[in-house]
Amino acid sequence: MSFKLEDGDQLSVNRNWDEGSKIFSQCVSCKWKFMGRAGCAAFPDGRVPLKILLNRFDHKNPYDGDGGIQYEMRSDWNYEVDTTSRM
């Protein structure tokens, strides 16, 4: 399966995951993510760019349209986060 990203890049997604190779979006552990619905303080309309959702962009850095709000880890998150592992 492939997607065309906002900047025109093509993204292929491998759906054949090996056991133990799960990678989660950096958004899962971000304190700005809305609970129970799509979106966050940076993208309140729910249209989070795929590059951020799929860890193709480390949102610890500014991204056009994020309103100056970047990734910050939730205070109750107990796992190490690697925002550079791509999905």
C-alpha atoms as a PDB file:
ATOM      1  CA  MET A   1       0.000   0.000   0.000  1.00  0.00           C
ATOM      2  CA  SER A   2       1.342   3.473  -0.748  1.00  0.00           C
ATOM      3  CA  PHE A   3       0.333   7.038  -0.002  1.00  0.00           C
ATOM      4  CA  LYS A   4       1.266  10.390  -1.459  1.00  0.00           C
ATOM      5  CA  LEU A   5       2.464  12.728   1.296  1.00  0.00           C
ATOM      6  CA  GLU A   6       1.783  16.463   1.559  1.00  0.00           C
ATOM      7  CA  ASP A   7       5.109  17.400  -0.035  1.00  0.00           C
ATOM      8  CA  GLY A   8       4.662  14.960  -2.937  1.00  0.00           C
ATOM      9  CA  ASP A   9       6.841  12.178  -1.494  1.00  0.00           C
ATOM     10  CA  GLN A  10       5.535   8.654  -1.995  1.00  0.00           C
ATOM     11  CA  LEU A  11       5.272   6.468   1.101  1.00  0.00           C
ATOM     12  CA  SER A  12       5.057   2.683   1.013  1.00  0.00           C
ATOM     13  CA  VAL A  13       3.740   0.866   4.054  1.00  0.00           C
ATOM     14  CA  ASN A  14       4.778  -2.720   4.765  1.00  0.00           C
ATOM     15  CA  ARG A  15       1.862  -4.493   6.399  1.00  0.00           C
ATOM     16  CA  ASN A  16       3.854  -7.713   7.044  1.00  0.00           C
ATOM     17  CA  TRP A  17       5.176  -6.964  10.523  1.00  0.00           C
ATOM     18  CA  ASP A  18       7.572  -9.387  12.175  1.00  0.00           C
ATOM     19  CA  GLU A  19       6.898 -10.470  15.745  1.00  0.00           C
ATOM     20  CA  GLY A  20       8.238  -7.814  18.123  1.00  0.00           C
ATOM     21  CA  SER A  21       8.747  -5.147  15.463  1.00  0.00           C
ATOM     22  CA  LYS A  22       5.927  -2.829  16.495  1.00  0.00           C
ATOM     23  CA  ILE A  23       6.574   0.886  16.093  1.00  0.00           C
ATOM     24  CA  PHE A  24       4.105   3.439  17.411  1.00  0.00           C
ATOM     25  CA  SER A  25       3.534   7.007  16.351  1.00  0.00           C
ATOM     26  CA  GLN A  26       5.253   9.634  18.456  1.00  0.00           C
ATOM     27  CA  CYS A  27       1.760  11.127  18.882  1.00  0.00           C
ATOM     28  CA  VAL A  28       0.755   8.282  21.231  1.00  0.00           C
ATOM     29  CA  SER A  29       3.007   9.601  24.002  1.00  0.00           C
ATOM     30  CA  CYS A  30       2.599  13.340  23.365  1.00  0.00           C
ATOM     31  CA  LYS A  31       1.027  15.426  26.110  1.00  0.00           C
ATOM     32  CA  TRP A  32      -0.742  17.585  23.507  1.00  0.00           C
ATOM     33  CA  LYS A  33      -2.723  14.694  21.942  1.00  0.00           C
ATOM     34  CA  PHE A  34      -6.472  14.836  22.454  1.00  0.00           C
ATOM     35  CA  MET A  35      -7.843  11.790  24.241  1.00  0.00           C
ATOM     36  CA  GLY A  36     -10.857  10.101  22.688  1.00  0.00           C
ATOM     37  CA  ARG A  37     -10.663  11.891  19.338  1.00  0.00           C
ATOM     38  CA  ALA A  38      -8.295  12.719  16.504  1.00  0.00           C
ATOM     39  CA  GLY A  39      -6.028  15.703  16.726  1.00  0.00           C
ATOM     40  CA  CYS A  40      -3.984  17.600  19.244  1.00  0.00           C
ATOM     41  CA  ALA A  41      -3.208  21.146  20.366  1.00  0.00           C
ATOM     42  CA  ALA A  42      -0.878  21.545  17.358  1.00  0.00           C
ATOM     43  CA  PHE A  43      -3.419  20.191  14.845  1.00  0.00           C
ATOM     44  CA  PRO A  44      -6.837  20.647  16.508  1.00  0.00           C
ATOM     45  CA  ASP A  45      -8.772  19.861  13.327  1.00  0.00           C
ATOM     46  CA  GLY A  46      -7.427  16.284  13.496  1.00  0.00           C
ATOM     47  CA  ARG A  47      -5.391  16.630  10.301  1.00  0.00           C
ATOM     48  CA  VAL A  48      -1.986  15.676  11.698  1.00  0.00           C
ATOM     49  CA  PRO A  49       0.463  15.403   8.779  1.00  0.00           C
ATOM     50  CA  LEU A  50       1.320  11.806   7.821  1.00  0.00           C
ATOM     51  CA  LYS A  51       5.023  12.595   8.128  1.00  0.00           C
ATOM     52  CA  ILE A  52       4.476  13.223  11.845  1.00  0.00           C
ATOM     53  CA  LEU A  53       2.020  10.352  12.399  1.00  0.00           C
ATOM     54  CA  LEU A  54       4.398   7.884  10.723  1.00  0.00           C
ATOM     55  CA  ASN A  55       7.536   9.250  12.446  1.00  0.00           C
ATOM     56  CA  ARG A  56       8.982  10.497   9.146  1.00  0.00           C
ATOM     57  CA  PHE A  57       9.435  13.852  10.885  1.00  0.00           C
ATOM     58  CA  ASP A  58      10.561  14.308  14.495  1.00  0.00           C
ATOM     59  CA  HIS A  59       7.961  16.691  15.884  1.00  0.00           C
ATOM     60  CA  LYS A  60      10.326  17.867  18.608  1.00  0.00           C
ATOM     61  CA  ASN A  61      11.152  20.311  15.795  1.00  0.00           C
ATOM     62  CA  PRO A  62       8.782  22.960  14.409  1.00  0.00           C
ATOM     63  CA  TYR A  63       6.535  21.862  11.533  1.00  0.00           C
ATOM     64  CA  ASP A  64       4.657  24.261   9.278  1.00  0.00           C
ATOM     65  CA  GLY A  65       1.133  24.744  10.624  1.00  0.00           C
ATOM     66  CA  ASP A  66       1.717  23.391  14.155  1.00  0.00           C
ATOM     67  CA  GLY A  67       1.059  26.773  15.782  1.00  0.00           C
ATOM     68  CA  GLY A  68       4.384  26.640  17.620  1.00  0.00           C
ATOM     69  CA  ILE A  69       3.396  23.503  19.546  1.00  0.00           C
ATOM     70  CA  GLN A  70       5.787  20.553  19.309  1.00  0.00           C
ATOM     71  CA  TYR A  71       6.048  17.093  20.850  1.00  0.00           C
ATOM     72  CA  GLU A  72       6.391  16.873  24.623  1.00  0.00           C
ATOM     73  CA  MET A  73       6.218  13.530  26.399  1.00  0.00           C
ATOM     74  CA  ARG A  74       3.227  12.927  28.664  1.00  0.00           C
ATOM     75  CA  SER A  75       4.198  12.977  32.340  1.00  0.00           C
ATOM     76  CA  ASP A  76       2.524   9.591  32.898  1.00  0.00           C
ATOM     77  CA  TRP A  77       4.330   7.863  30.010  1.00  0.00           C
ATOM     78  CA  ASN A  78       6.603   5.073  31.293  1.00  0.00           C
ATOM     79  CA  TYR A  79       8.248   3.915  28.079  1.00  0.00           C
ATOM     80  CA  GLU A  80      11.280   5.069  26.162  1.00  0.00           C
ATOM     81  CA  VAL A  81      10.294   7.001  23.031  1.00  0.00           C
ATOM     82  CA  ASP A  82      12.311   6.941  19.840  1.00  0.00           C
ATOM     83  CA  THR A  83      10.781   9.543  17.528  1.00  0.00           C
ATOM     84  CA  THR A  84      13.236   8.584  14.796  1.00  0.00           C
ATOM     85  CA  SER A  85      11.953   5.008  14.210  1.00  0.00           C
ATOM     86  CA  ARG A  86       9.941   5.156  11.047  1.00  0.00           C
ATOM     87  CA  MET A  87       6.746   3.304  10.368  1.00  0.00           C
END
